[in-house]
Amino acid sequence: MSLSGIYGASSDENGLAVIQRALDLGVNFLDSADMYGWGHNESLLGKALQGRRDQVIVATKFGQTRTDSGANGVNGRPEYVIQACEASLQRLGLETIDLYYVHRIDPSVPIEDTVGAMSQLVAQGKVREIGLCEASPPTIRRAHAVHRLAVVQTEYSLLYRQEAEETLQTTRELGIGFVAYSPLGRSLLTATVQSAEEVAQDRRKDHPRFQAENFEHNRQRVRQLEAMAQGKQCTPSQLALAWVLAQGEDVVAIPGTKRAERVNDNWGALSLALKAQEVAALSQAFPVGAAAGLRYPVGGMKGVYL
């Protein structure tokens, strides 16, 4: 998403370089969506994967739409599932998508109908595995009863834990993997954003976590992470990512960036071994509910954890 204008400008040349750097390091899981730049991100990813398709698991998502007013809509109708998949395959330049998600749950369509259409894509060989994003435990159970879910994706970080940890109880019971998006709190846990003004030109300006006293509260909380990272001789980003990865082998983190140097930094988290007491200390420093500000603006919160 970072490579398609959500967090400020990024040229295609830069985007390709970032993806190529990740692949060179050994990153083998790339997560896109048809609404990231409304098709741009999938097209960019398709270009980056030319000659390197076999190195990576390609994930993309459908379900968010753009209304005539420019606002985001949602569509989980079976006929749209098929249509959206065909469009994504074309943009990606692929015959098969490794992992296909429902990006947002459509409350007007039974999840059984949406997942039923996705299961047809699996049967046709156009999709290998399916998953849900921002789905509540009851929705996960209903979907899984129609077709086995490979993973569920939910925001999960030291700052935002409650819904993810509730979800993990369900995914573990059902044998479903978990993908943690925004594991760096949309940059807050990198400790590189010193003021809300630094994000005034991108999507983050609309997020409550970056606004007024919320930002100051969160920034003070992150100072604890900085101190702990200094003690471990690592960056705050690496420590925050290592905490997510320490939650279990069923948890995968997908930090996004538009800078190659950040890819290098994030990759270093894999070499950071945390002791049980260090994981516990981080959890205590960032208890559930520690962050100030909702995960999304009020309107966006109506579309998550459904």
C-alpha atoms as a PDB file:
ATOM      1  CA  MET A   1       0.000   0.000   0.000  1.00  0.00           C
ATOM      2  CA  SER A   2       2.905   2.340   0.748  1.00  0.00           C
ATOM      3  CA  LEU A   3       4.006   2.111  -2.881  1.00  0.00           C
ATOM      4  CA  SER A   4       0.700   3.396  -4.251  1.00  0.00           C
ATOM      5  CA  GLY A   5       0.326   6.882  -2.828  1.00  0.00           C
ATOM      6  CA  ILE A   6      -1.364   6.169   0.480  1.00  0.00           C
ATOM      7  CA  TYR A   7       1.510   7.452   2.606  1.00  0.00           C
ATOM      8  CA  GLY A   8       2.829  10.101   0.273  1.00  0.00           C
ATOM      9  CA  ALA A   9       4.257   9.925  -3.231  1.00  0.00           C
ATOM     10  CA  SER A  10       6.309   6.978  -4.480  1.00  0.00           C
ATOM     11  CA  SER A  11       7.426   6.607  -8.090  1.00  0.00           C
ATOM     12  CA  ASP A  12       7.078   3.298  -9.900  1.00  0.00           C
ATOM     13  CA  GLU A  13      10.863   3.228 -10.233  1.00  0.00           C
ATOM     14  CA  ASN A  14      11.177   3.462  -6.476  1.00  0.00           C
ATOM     15  CA  GLY A  15       8.421   0.920  -5.918  1.00  0.00           C
ATOM     16  CA  LEU A  16      10.092  -1.626  -8.157  1.00  0.00           C
ATOM     17  CA  ALA A  17      13.407  -1.061  -6.400  1.00  0.00           C
ATOM     18  CA  VAL A  18      11.818  -1.590  -2.984  1.00  0.00           C
ATOM     19  CA  ILE A  19      10.165  -4.842  -4.050  1.00  0.00           C
ATOM     20  CA  GLN A  20      13.323  -6.093  -5.739  1.00  0.00           C
ATOM     21  CA  ARG A  21      15.327  -5.338  -2.599  1.00  0.00           C
ATOM     22  CA  ALA A  22      12.878  -7.328  -0.514  1.00  0.00           C
ATOM     23  CA  LEU A  23      13.098 -10.285  -2.898  1.00  0.00           C
ATOM     24  CA  ASP A  24      16.897 -10.113  -2.925  1.00  0.00           C
ATOM     25  CA  LEU A  25      16.934 -10.339   0.875  1.00  0.00           C
ATOM     26  CA  GLY A  26      14.652 -13.377   0.856  1.00  0.00           C
ATOM     27  CA  VAL A  27      11.214 -11.915   1.503  1.00  0.00           C
ATOM     28  CA  ASN A  28       8.780 -14.434   0.028  1.00  0.00           C
ATOM     29  CA  PHE A  29       5.341 -13.101   0.941  1.00  0.00           C
ATOM     30  CA  LEU A  30       3.950  -9.961  -0.725  1.00  0.00           C
ATOM     31  CA  ASP A  31       0.531  -8.592   0.178  1.00  0.00           C
ATOM     32  CA  SER A  32      -1.426  -6.332  -2.182  1.00  0.00           C
ATOM     33  CA  ALA A  33      -5.051  -5.355  -2.802  1.00  0.00           C
ATOM     34  CA  ASP A  34      -7.102  -4.117  -5.715  1.00  0.00           C
ATOM     35  CA  MET A  35      -7.919  -0.897  -3.819  1.00  0.00           C
ATOM     36  CA  TYR A  36      -4.282   0.085  -3.237  1.00  0.00           C
ATOM     37  CA  GLY A  37      -4.095   2.839  -5.807  1.00  0.00           C
ATOM     38  CA  TRP A  38      -7.237   1.276  -7.333  1.00  0.00           C
ATOM     39  CA  GLY A  39      -5.309  -1.279  -9.379  1.00  0.00           C
ATOM     40  CA  HIS A  40      -1.952   0.487  -9.455  1.00  0.00           C
ATOM     41  CA  ASN A  41      -0.360  -1.656  -6.758  1.00  0.00           C
ATOM     42  CA  GLU A  42      -1.243  -4.955  -8.410  1.00  0.00           C
ATOM     43  CA  SER A  43       0.110  -3.724 -11.747  1.00  0.00           C
ATOM     44  CA  LEU A  44       3.326  -2.597 -10.068  1.00  0.00           C
ATOM     45  CA  LEU A  45       3.683  -5.919  -8.297  1.00  0.00           C
ATOM     46  CA  GLY A  46       3.121  -7.763 -11.547  1.00  0.00           C
ATOM     47  CA  LYS A  47       6.015  -5.867 -13.141  1.00  0.00           C
ATOM     48  CA  ALA A  48       8.288  -6.545 -10.176  1.00  0.00           C
ATOM     49  CA  LEU A  49       7.601 -10.276 -10.275  1.00  0.00           C
ATOM     50  CA  GLN A  50       8.543 -10.800 -13.907  1.00  0.00           C
ATOM     51  CA  GLY A  51      11.104 -13.591 -13.899  1.00  0.00           C
ATOM     52  CA  ARG A  52      10.787 -14.024 -10.127  1.00  0.00           C
ATOM     53  CA  ARG A  53       7.269 -15.392  -9.717  1.00  0.00           C
ATOM     54  CA  ASP A  54       8.407 -18.657  -8.170  1.00  0.00           C
ATOM     55  CA  GLN A  55      10.198 -16.849  -5.338  1.00  0.00           C
ATOM     56  CA  VAL A  56       7.099 -15.462  -3.696  1.00  0.00           C
ATOM     57  CA  ILE A  57       3.639 -16.120  -2.326  1.00  0.00           C
ATOM     58  CA  VAL A  58       1.374 -13.479  -3.859  1.00  0.00           C
ATOM     59  CA  ALA A  59      -1.594 -12.295  -1.814  1.00  0.00           C
ATOM     60  CA  THR A  60      -4.205  -9.796  -2.897  1.00  0.00           C
ATOM     61  CA  LYS A  61      -7.651  -8.734  -1.782  1.00  0.00           C
ATOM     62  CA  PHE A  62     -11.040  -7.666  -3.088  1.00  0.00           C
ATOM     63  CA  GLY A  63     -14.215  -6.234  -1.650  1.00  0.00           C
ATOM     64  CA  GLN A  64     -13.521  -2.535  -1.221  1.00  0.00           C
ATOM     65  CA  THR A  65     -14.959  -0.394  -3.989  1.00  0.00           C
ATOM     66  CA  ARG A  66     -14.925   3.268  -4.963  1.00  0.00           C
ATOM     67  CA  THR A  67     -18.325   4.935  -5.064  1.00  0.00           C
ATOM     68  CA  ASP A  68     -19.346   7.719  -7.436  1.00  0.00           C
ATOM     69  CA  SER A  69     -18.755  10.222  -4.630  1.00  0.00           C
ATOM     70  CA  GLY A  70     -15.206   8.981  -4.189  1.00  0.00           C
ATOM     71  CA  ALA A  71     -15.908   7.309  -0.864  1.00  0.00           C
ATOM     72  CA  ASN A  72     -15.089   3.672  -0.193  1.00  0.00           C
ATOM     73  CA  GLY A  73     -17.837   1.116  -0.597  1.00  0.00           C
ATOM     74  CA  VAL A  74     -17.917  -2.638  -0.090  1.00  0.00           C
ATOM     75  CA  ASN A  75     -19.092  -5.481  -2.312  1.00  0.00           C
ATOM     76  CA  GLY A  76     -19.151  -9.152  -1.359  1.00  0.00           C
ATOM     77  CA  ARG A  77     -21.687 -10.366  -3.901  1.00  0.00           C
ATOM     78  CA  PRO A  78     -20.741 -13.676  -5.561  1.00  0.00           C
ATOM     79  CA  GLU A  79     -20.762 -12.237  -9.077  1.00  0.00           C
ATOM     80  CA  TYR A  80     -18.446  -9.446  -7.970  1.00  0.00           C
ATOM     81  CA  VAL A  81     -16.030 -11.929  -6.401  1.00  0.00           C
ATOM     82  CA  ILE A  82     -15.526 -13.545  -9.817  1.00  0.00           C
ATOM     83  CA  GLN A  83     -15.257 -10.216 -11.594  1.00  0.00           C
ATOM     84  CA  ALA A  84     -12.742  -8.799  -9.131  1.00  0.00           C
ATOM     85  CA  CYS A  85     -10.545 -11.882  -9.288  1.00  0.00           C
ATOM     86  CA  GLU A  86     -10.356 -11.770 -13.076  1.00  0.00           C
ATOM     87  CA  ALA A  87      -9.327  -8.122 -12.959  1.00  0.00           C
ATOM     88  CA  SER A  88      -6.642  -8.800 -10.349  1.00  0.00           C
ATOM     89  CA  LEU A  89      -5.220 -11.711 -12.318  1.00  0.00           C
ATOM     90  CA  GLN A  90      -4.949  -9.505 -15.376  1.00  0.00           C
ATOM     91  CA  ARG A  91      -3.208  -6.690 -13.527  1.00  0.00           C
ATOM     92  CA  LEU A  92      -0.832  -9.065 -11.765  1.00  0.00           C
ATOM     93  CA  GLY A  93      -0.100 -10.944 -14.954  1.00  0.00           C
ATOM     94  CA  LEU A  94      -0.705 -14.256 -13.207  1.00  0.00           C
ATOM     95  CA  GLU A  95      -2.702 -17.382 -13.881  1.00  0.00           C
ATOM     96  CA  THR A  96      -3.166 -18.106 -10.173  1.00  0.00           C
ATOM     97  CA  ILE A  97      -3.299 -15.986  -7.021  1.00  0.00           C
ATOM     98  CA  ASP A  98      -1.694 -17.799  -4.105  1.00  0.00           C
ATOM     99  CA  LEU A  99      -3.844 -16.197  -1.417  1.00  0.00           C
ATOM    100  CA  TYR A 100      -7.074 -14.281  -2.044  1.00  0.00           C
ATOM    101  CA  TYR A 101      -8.729 -12.297   0.727  1.00  0.00           C
ATOM    102  CA  VAL A 102     -12.037 -10.627   1.371  1.00  0.00           C
ATOM    103  CA  HIS A 103     -10.662  -7.174   2.192  1.00  0.00           C
ATOM    104  CA  ARG A 104     -13.730  -5.986   4.067  1.00  0.00           C
ATOM    105  CA  ILE A 105     -16.827  -7.941   5.031  1.00  0.00           C
ATOM    106  CA  ASP A 106     -19.994  -6.865   3.223  1.00  0.00           C
ATOM    107  CA  PRO A 107     -22.713  -6.820   5.903  1.00  0.00           C
ATOM    108  CA  SER A 108     -25.435  -6.941   3.252  1.00  0.00           C
ATOM    109  CA  VAL A 109     -24.243 -10.293   1.854  1.00  0.00           C
ATOM    110  CA  PRO A 110     -24.067 -13.528   3.858  1.00  0.00           C
ATOM    111  CA  ILE A 111     -20.415 -14.462   4.285  1.00  0.00           C
ATOM    112  CA  GLU A 112     -21.379 -17.956   3.168  1.00  0.00           C
ATOM    113  CA  ASP A 113     -22.275 -16.564  -0.280  1.00  0.00           C
ATOM    114  CA  THR A 114     -19.036 -14.596  -0.616  1.00  0.00           C
ATOM    115  CA  VAL A 115     -16.855 -17.510   0.462  1.00  0.00           C
ATOM    116  CA  GLY A 116     -18.879 -19.877  -1.696  1.00  0.00           C
ATOM    117  CA  ALA A 117     -17.865 -17.861  -4.751  1.00  0.00           C
ATOM    118  CA  MET A 118     -14.250 -17.835  -3.564  1.00  0.00           C
ATOM    119  CA  SER A 119     -14.335 -21.615  -3.278  1.00  0.00           C
ATOM    120  CA  GLN A 120     -15.335 -21.746  -6.944  1.00  0.00           C
ATOM    121  CA  LEU A 121     -12.182 -19.806  -7.791  1.00  0.00           C
ATOM    122  CA  VAL A 122     -10.158 -22.408  -5.891  1.00  0.00           C
ATOM    123  CA  ALA A 123     -11.867 -25.225  -7.782  1.00  0.00           C
ATOM    124  CA  GLN A 124     -11.072 -23.470 -11.067  1.00  0.00           C
ATOM    125  CA  GLY A 125      -7.395 -23.112 -10.152  1.00  0.00           C
ATOM    126  CA  LYS A 126      -7.487 -19.322 -10.209  1.00  0.00           C
ATOM    127  CA  VAL A 127      -6.860 -19.104  -6.455  1.00  0.00           C
ATOM    128  CA  ARG A 128      -4.872 -21.470  -4.254  1.00  0.00           C
ATOM    129  CA  GLU A 129      -5.930 -20.384  -0.763  1.00  0.00           C
ATOM    130  CA  ILE A 130      -8.464 -17.969   0.686  1.00  0.00           C
ATOM    131  CA  GLY A 131      -8.647 -15.721   3.713  1.00  0.00           C
ATOM    132  CA  LEU A 132     -10.567 -12.957   5.442  1.00  0.00           C
ATOM    133  CA  CYS A 133      -9.506  -9.498   6.615  1.00  0.00           C
ATOM    134  CA  GLU A 134     -10.913  -7.743   9.671  1.00  0.00           C
ATOM    135  CA  ALA A 135     -13.434 -10.481  10.378  1.00  0.00           C
ATOM    136  CA  SER A 136     -14.889 -11.156  13.809  1.00  0.00           C
ATOM    137  CA  PRO A 137     -14.731 -14.653  15.350  1.00  0.00           C
ATOM    138  CA  PRO A 138     -18.365 -15.519  14.472  1.00  0.00           C
ATOM    139  CA  THR A 139     -17.789 -14.522  10.832  1.00  0.00           C
ATOM    140  CA  ILE A 140     -14.576 -16.553  10.739  1.00  0.00           C
ATOM    141  CA  ARG A 141     -16.401 -19.632  11.974  1.00  0.00           C
ATOM    142  CA  ARG A 142     -19.190 -19.274   9.424  1.00  0.00           C
ATOM    143  CA  ALA A 143     -16.760 -18.742   6.563  1.00  0.00           C
ATOM    144  CA  HIS A 144     -14.512 -21.627   7.603  1.00  0.00           C
ATOM    145  CA  ALA A 145     -17.510 -23.964   7.622  1.00  0.00           C
ATOM    146  CA  VAL A 146     -18.014 -23.237   3.895  1.00  0.00           C
ATOM    147  CA  HIS A 147     -14.372 -23.521   2.808  1.00  0.00           C
ATOM    148  CA  ARG A 148     -11.179 -23.898   4.798  1.00  0.00           C
ATOM    149  CA  LEU A 149      -9.541 -20.538   5.483  1.00  0.00           C
ATOM    150  CA  ALA A 150      -5.767 -20.428   5.222  1.00  0.00           C
ATOM    151  CA  VAL A 151      -5.398 -17.188   7.171  1.00  0.00           C
ATOM    152  CA  VAL A 152      -7.175 -14.246   8.739  1.00  0.00           C
ATOM    153  CA  GLN A 153      -5.591 -10.783   8.547  1.00  0.00           C
ATOM    154  CA  THR A 154      -6.121  -8.176  11.260  1.00  0.00           C
ATOM    155  CA  GLU A 155      -4.178  -5.189  12.523  1.00  0.00           C
ATOM    156  CA  TYR A 156      -1.845  -6.361  15.288  1.00  0.00           C
ATOM    157  CA  SER A 157       0.940  -4.513  17.036  1.00  0.00           C
ATOM    158  CA  LEU A 158       2.097  -3.510  20.491  1.00  0.00           C
ATOM    159  CA  LEU A 159      -0.244  -0.540  20.224  1.00  0.00           C
ATOM    160  CA  TYR A 160      -3.369  -2.284  18.892  1.00  0.00           C
ATOM    161  CA  ARG A 161      -3.885  -5.746  20.319  1.00  0.00           C
ATOM    162  CA  GLN A 162      -7.421  -6.333  21.522  1.00  0.00           C
ATOM    163  CA  GLU A 163      -9.247  -7.492  18.376  1.00  0.00           C
ATOM    164  CA  ALA A 164      -6.219  -9.412  17.129  1.00  0.00           C
ATOM    165  CA  GLU A 165      -5.769 -11.379  20.320  1.00  0.00           C
ATOM    166  CA  GLU A 166      -9.469 -12.206  20.409  1.00  0.00           C
ATOM    167  CA  THR A 167      -9.204 -13.354  16.792  1.00  0.00           C
ATOM    168  CA  LEU A 168      -6.133 -15.483  17.524  1.00  0.00           C
ATOM    169  CA  GLN A 169      -8.114 -17.548  20.003  1.00  0.00           C
ATOM    170  CA  THR A 170     -10.481 -18.511  17.187  1.00  0.00           C
ATOM    171  CA  THR A 171      -7.899 -19.016  14.438  1.00  0.00           C
ATOM    172  CA  ARG A 172      -5.829 -21.278  16.669  1.00  0.00           C
ATOM    173  CA  GLU A 173      -8.844 -23.348  17.596  1.00  0.00           C
ATOM    174  CA  LEU A 174      -9.653 -23.825  13.898  1.00  0.00           C
ATOM    175  CA  GLY A 175      -6.080 -24.271  12.658  1.00  0.00           C
ATOM    176  CA  ILE A 176      -6.039 -21.016  10.663  1.00  0.00           C
ATOM    177  CA  GLY A 177      -2.936 -18.850  10.276  1.00  0.00           C
ATOM    178  CA  PHE A 178      -2.826 -15.195  11.284  1.00  0.00           C
ATOM    179  CA  VAL A 179      -1.395 -12.278   9.293  1.00  0.00           C
ATOM    180  CA  ALA A 180      -0.606  -9.125  11.278  1.00  0.00           C
ATOM    181  CA  TYR A 181      -0.925  -5.952   9.241  1.00  0.00           C
ATOM    182  CA  SER A 182       0.365  -2.563  10.416  1.00  0.00           C
ATOM    183  CA  PRO A 183       2.670  -4.315  12.899  1.00  0.00           C
ATOM    184  CA  LEU A 184       4.537  -1.014  13.286  1.00  0.00           C
ATOM    185  CA  GLY A 185       1.406   0.973  14.108  1.00  0.00           C
ATOM    186  CA  ARG A 186       1.478   2.847  10.770  1.00  0.00           C
ATOM    187  CA  SER A 187       4.988   4.118  11.644  1.00  0.00           C
ATOM    188  CA  LEU A 188       4.358   5.086  15.289  1.00  0.00           C
ATOM    189  CA  LEU A 189       6.431   2.146  16.555  1.00  0.00           C
ATOM    190  CA  THR A 190       9.386   3.082  14.370  1.00  0.00           C
ATOM    191  CA  ALA A 191       9.912   6.133  16.596  1.00  0.00           C
ATOM    192  CA  THR A 192      10.779   8.130  13.475  1.00  0.00           C
ATOM    193  CA  VAL A 193       7.681  10.360  13.475  1.00  0.00           C
ATOM    194  CA  GLN A 194       8.300  13.161  15.936  1.00  0.00           C
ATOM    195  CA  SER A 195       5.225  15.294  15.255  1.00  0.00           C
ATOM    196  CA  ALA A 196       1.786  14.966  13.690  1.00  0.00           C
ATOM    197  CA  GLU A 197       2.794  17.568  11.109  1.00  0.00           C
ATOM    198  CA  GLU A 198       5.130  15.024   9.531  1.00  0.00           C
ATOM    199  CA  VAL A 199       2.155  12.987   8.293  1.00  0.00           C
ATOM    200  CA  ALA A 200      -0.016  15.949   7.297  1.00  0.00           C
ATOM    201  CA  GLN A 201       0.316  15.136   3.590  1.00  0.00           C
ATOM    202  CA  ASP A 202      -0.844  11.508   3.624  1.00  0.00           C
ATOM    203  CA  ARG A 203      -3.648   9.251   4.814  1.00  0.00           C
ATOM    204  CA  ARG A 204      -2.369   9.105   8.367  1.00  0.00           C
ATOM    205  CA  LYS A 205      -3.524  12.673   9.059  1.00  0.00           C
ATOM    206  CA  ASP A 206      -7.088  11.310   9.212  1.00  0.00           C
ATOM    207  CA  HIS A 207      -6.235   8.584  11.703  1.00  0.00           C
ATOM    208  CA  PRO A 208      -7.115   9.424  15.322  1.00  0.00           C
ATOM    209  CA  ARG A 209      -3.862   7.918  16.597  1.00  0.00           C
ATOM    210  CA  PHE A 210      -1.934  10.779  14.948  1.00  0.00           C
ATOM    211  CA  GLN A 211      -4.186  13.608  16.091  1.00  0.00           C
ATOM    212  CA  ALA A 212      -3.585  16.161  18.853  1.00  0.00           C
ATOM    213  CA  GLU A 213      -3.227  14.714  22.319  1.00  0.00           C
ATOM    214  CA  ASN A 214      -3.592  11.164  20.982  1.00  0.00           C
ATOM    215  CA  PHE A 215      -0.324  11.507  19.135  1.00  0.00           C
ATOM    216  CA  GLU A 216       1.463  12.926  22.151  1.00  0.00           C
ATOM    217  CA  HIS A 217       0.184  10.077  24.333  1.00  0.00           C
ATOM    218  CA  ASN A 218       1.315   7.472  21.819  1.00  0.00           C
ATOM    219  CA  ARG A 219       4.667   9.140  21.279  1.00  0.00           C
ATOM    220  CA  GLN A 220       5.353   9.058  25.014  1.00  0.00           C
ATOM    221  CA  ARG A 221       4.424   5.391  25.127  1.00  0.00           C
ATOM    222  CA  VAL A 222       6.834   4.617  22.286  1.00  0.00           C
ATOM    223  CA  ARG A 223       9.681   6.170  24.264  1.00  0.00           C
ATOM    224  CA  GLN A 224       9.598   3.028  26.403  1.00  0.00           C
ATOM    225  CA  LEU A 225      10.131   0.972  23.257  1.00  0.00           C
ATOM    226  CA  GLU A 226      13.062   3.183  22.286  1.00  0.00           C
ATOM    227  CA  ALA A 227      14.712   2.634  25.654  1.00  0.00           C
ATOM    228  CA  MET A 228      14.233  -1.124  25.462  1.00  0.00           C
ATOM    229  CA  ALA A 229      15.556  -1.199  21.902  1.00  0.00           C
ATOM    230  CA  GLN A 230      18.654   0.683  22.980  1.00  0.00           C
ATOM    231  CA  GLY A 231      19.242  -1.982  25.580  1.00  0.00           C
ATOM    232  CA  LYS A 232      18.930  -4.707  22.936  1.00  0.00           C
ATOM    233  CA  GLN A 233      21.152  -2.765  20.499  1.00  0.00           C
ATOM    234  CA  CYS A 234      18.465  -2.823  17.824  1.00  0.00           C
ATOM    235  CA  THR A 235      16.013  -0.356  16.317  1.00  0.00           C
ATOM    236  CA  PRO A 236      12.526   0.194  17.768  1.00  0.00           C
ATOM    237  CA  SER A 237      11.069  -1.225  14.542  1.00  0.00           C
ATOM    238  CA  GLN A 238      13.021  -4.443  14.904  1.00  0.00           C
ATOM    239  CA  LEU A 239      11.976  -4.849  18.519  1.00  0.00           C
ATOM    240  CA  ALA A 240       8.300  -4.201  17.732  1.00  0.00           C
ATOM    241  CA  LEU A 241       8.364  -6.702  14.861  1.00  0.00           C
ATOM    242  CA  ALA A 242      10.209  -9.291  16.945  1.00  0.00           C
ATOM    243  CA  TRP A 243       7.469  -9.018  19.578  1.00  0.00           C
ATOM    244  CA  VAL A 244       4.782  -9.752  16.960  1.00  0.00           C
ATOM    245  CA  LEU A 245       6.731 -12.702  15.577  1.00  0.00           C
ATOM    246  CA  ALA A 246       7.267 -14.046  19.102  1.00  0.00           C
ATOM    247  CA  GLN A 247       3.502 -14.468  19.523  1.00  0.00           C
ATOM    248  CA  GLY A 248       3.633 -17.812  17.710  1.00  0.00           C
ATOM    249  CA  GLU A 249       4.692 -19.653  14.589  1.00  0.00           C
ATOM    250  CA  ASP A 250       1.196 -19.146  13.211  1.00  0.00           C
ATOM    251  CA  VAL A 251       1.695 -15.346  13.147  1.00  0.00           C
ATOM    252  CA  VAL A 252       3.157 -13.598  10.085  1.00  0.00           C
ATOM    253  CA  ALA A 253       3.929  -9.871  10.088  1.00  0.00           C
ATOM    254  CA  ILE A 254       3.655  -7.748   6.926  1.00  0.00           C
ATOM    255  CA  PRO A 255       5.348  -4.390   7.568  1.00  0.00           C
ATOM    256  CA  GLY A 256       4.970  -2.020   4.653  1.00  0.00           C
ATOM    257  CA  THR A 257       7.358   0.674   3.493  1.00  0.00           C
ATOM    258  CA  LYS A 258       8.269   2.767   0.480  1.00  0.00           C
ATOM    259  CA  ARG A 259      11.969   2.934   1.333  1.00  0.00           C
ATOM    260  CA  ALA A 260      14.567   0.256   0.633  1.00  0.00           C
ATOM    261  CA  GLU A 261      16.502   1.141   3.781  1.00  0.00           C
ATOM    262  CA  ARG A 262      13.405   0.366   5.832  1.00  0.00           C
ATOM    263  CA  VAL A 263      13.185  -3.028   4.164  1.00  0.00           C
ATOM    264  CA  ASN A 264      16.722  -3.696   5.372  1.00  0.00           C
ATOM    265  CA  ASP A 265      15.838  -2.568   8.884  1.00  0.00           C
ATOM    266  CA  ASN A 266      12.666  -4.642   9.073  1.00  0.00           C
ATOM    267  CA  TRP A 267      14.492  -7.711   7.784  1.00  0.00           C
ATOM    268  CA  GLY A 268      16.851  -7.420  10.744  1.00  0.00           C
ATOM    269  CA  ALA A 269      13.990  -8.295  13.095  1.00  0.00           C
ATOM    270  CA  LEU A 270      14.320 -11.924  12.012  1.00  0.00           C
ATOM    271  CA  SER A 271      17.737 -12.077  13.670  1.00  0.00           C
ATOM    272  CA  LEU A 272      16.490 -10.656  16.942  1.00  0.00           C
ATOM    273  CA  ALA A 273      15.773 -13.396  19.472  1.00  0.00           C
ATOM    274  CA  LEU A 274      13.640 -12.320  22.415  1.00  0.00           C
ATOM    275  CA  LYS A 275      13.631 -14.147  25.708  1.00  0.00           C
ATOM    276  CA  ALA A 276      10.274 -14.948  27.281  1.00  0.00           C
ATOM    277  CA  GLN A 277      10.792 -12.299  29.950  1.00  0.00           C
ATOM    278  CA  GLU A 278      11.536  -9.685  27.272  1.00  0.00           C
ATOM    279  CA  VAL A 279       8.328 -10.519  25.420  1.00  0.00           C
ATOM    280  CA  ALA A 280       6.439 -10.260  28.701  1.00  0.00           C
ATOM    281  CA  ALA A 281       8.093  -6.921  29.530  1.00  0.00           C
ATOM    282  CA  LEU A 282       7.046  -5.480  26.177  1.00  0.00           C
ATOM    283  CA  SER A 283       3.494  -6.729  26.664  1.00  0.00           C
ATOM    284  CA  GLN A 284       3.379  -5.087  30.078  1.00  0.00           C
ATOM    285  CA  ALA A 285       4.773  -1.817  28.711  1.00  0.00           C
ATOM    286  CA  PHE A 286       2.065  -1.835  26.027  1.00  0.00           C
ATOM    287  CA  PRO A 287      -0.996  -3.430  27.651  1.00  0.00           C
ATOM    288  CA  VAL A 288      -4.199  -3.979  25.729  1.00  0.00           C
ATOM    289  CA  GLY A 289      -5.777  -0.588  25.188  1.00  0.00           C
ATOM    290  CA  ALA A 290      -2.492   1.296  25.607  1.00  0.00           C
ATOM    291  CA  ALA A 291      -2.893   3.345  22.444  1.00  0.00           C
ATOM    292  CA  ALA A 292      -4.843   6.576  22.299  1.00  0.00           C
ATOM    293  CA  GLY A 293      -7.134   6.954  19.307  1.00  0.00           C
ATOM    294  CA  LEU A 294      -9.192   4.510  17.293  1.00  0.00           C
ATOM    295  CA  ARG A 295      -7.536   2.279  14.695  1.00  0.00           C
ATOM    296  CA  TYR A 296      -9.405   4.106  11.916  1.00  0.00           C
ATOM    297  CA  PRO A 297     -11.512   7.236  11.618  1.00  0.00           C
ATOM    298  CA  VAL A 298     -15.040   6.719  12.947  1.00  0.00           C
ATOM    299  CA  GLY A 299     -16.410   5.870   9.504  1.00  0.00           C
ATOM    300  CA  GLY A 300     -13.695   3.327   8.872  1.00  0.00           C
ATOM    301  CA  MET A 301     -14.308   1.614  12.194  1.00  0.00           C
ATOM    302  CA  LYS A 302     -17.789   0.683  10.979  1.00  0.00           C
ATOM    303  CA  GLY A 303     -16.196  -1.620   8.419  1.00  0.00           C
ATOM    304  CA  VAL A 304     -13.760  -3.564  10.580  1.00  0.00           C
ATOM    305  CA  TYR A 305     -14.075  -6.578  12.839  1.00  0.00           C
ATOM    306  CA  LEU A 306     -17.421  -7.598  11.340  1.00  0.00           C
END
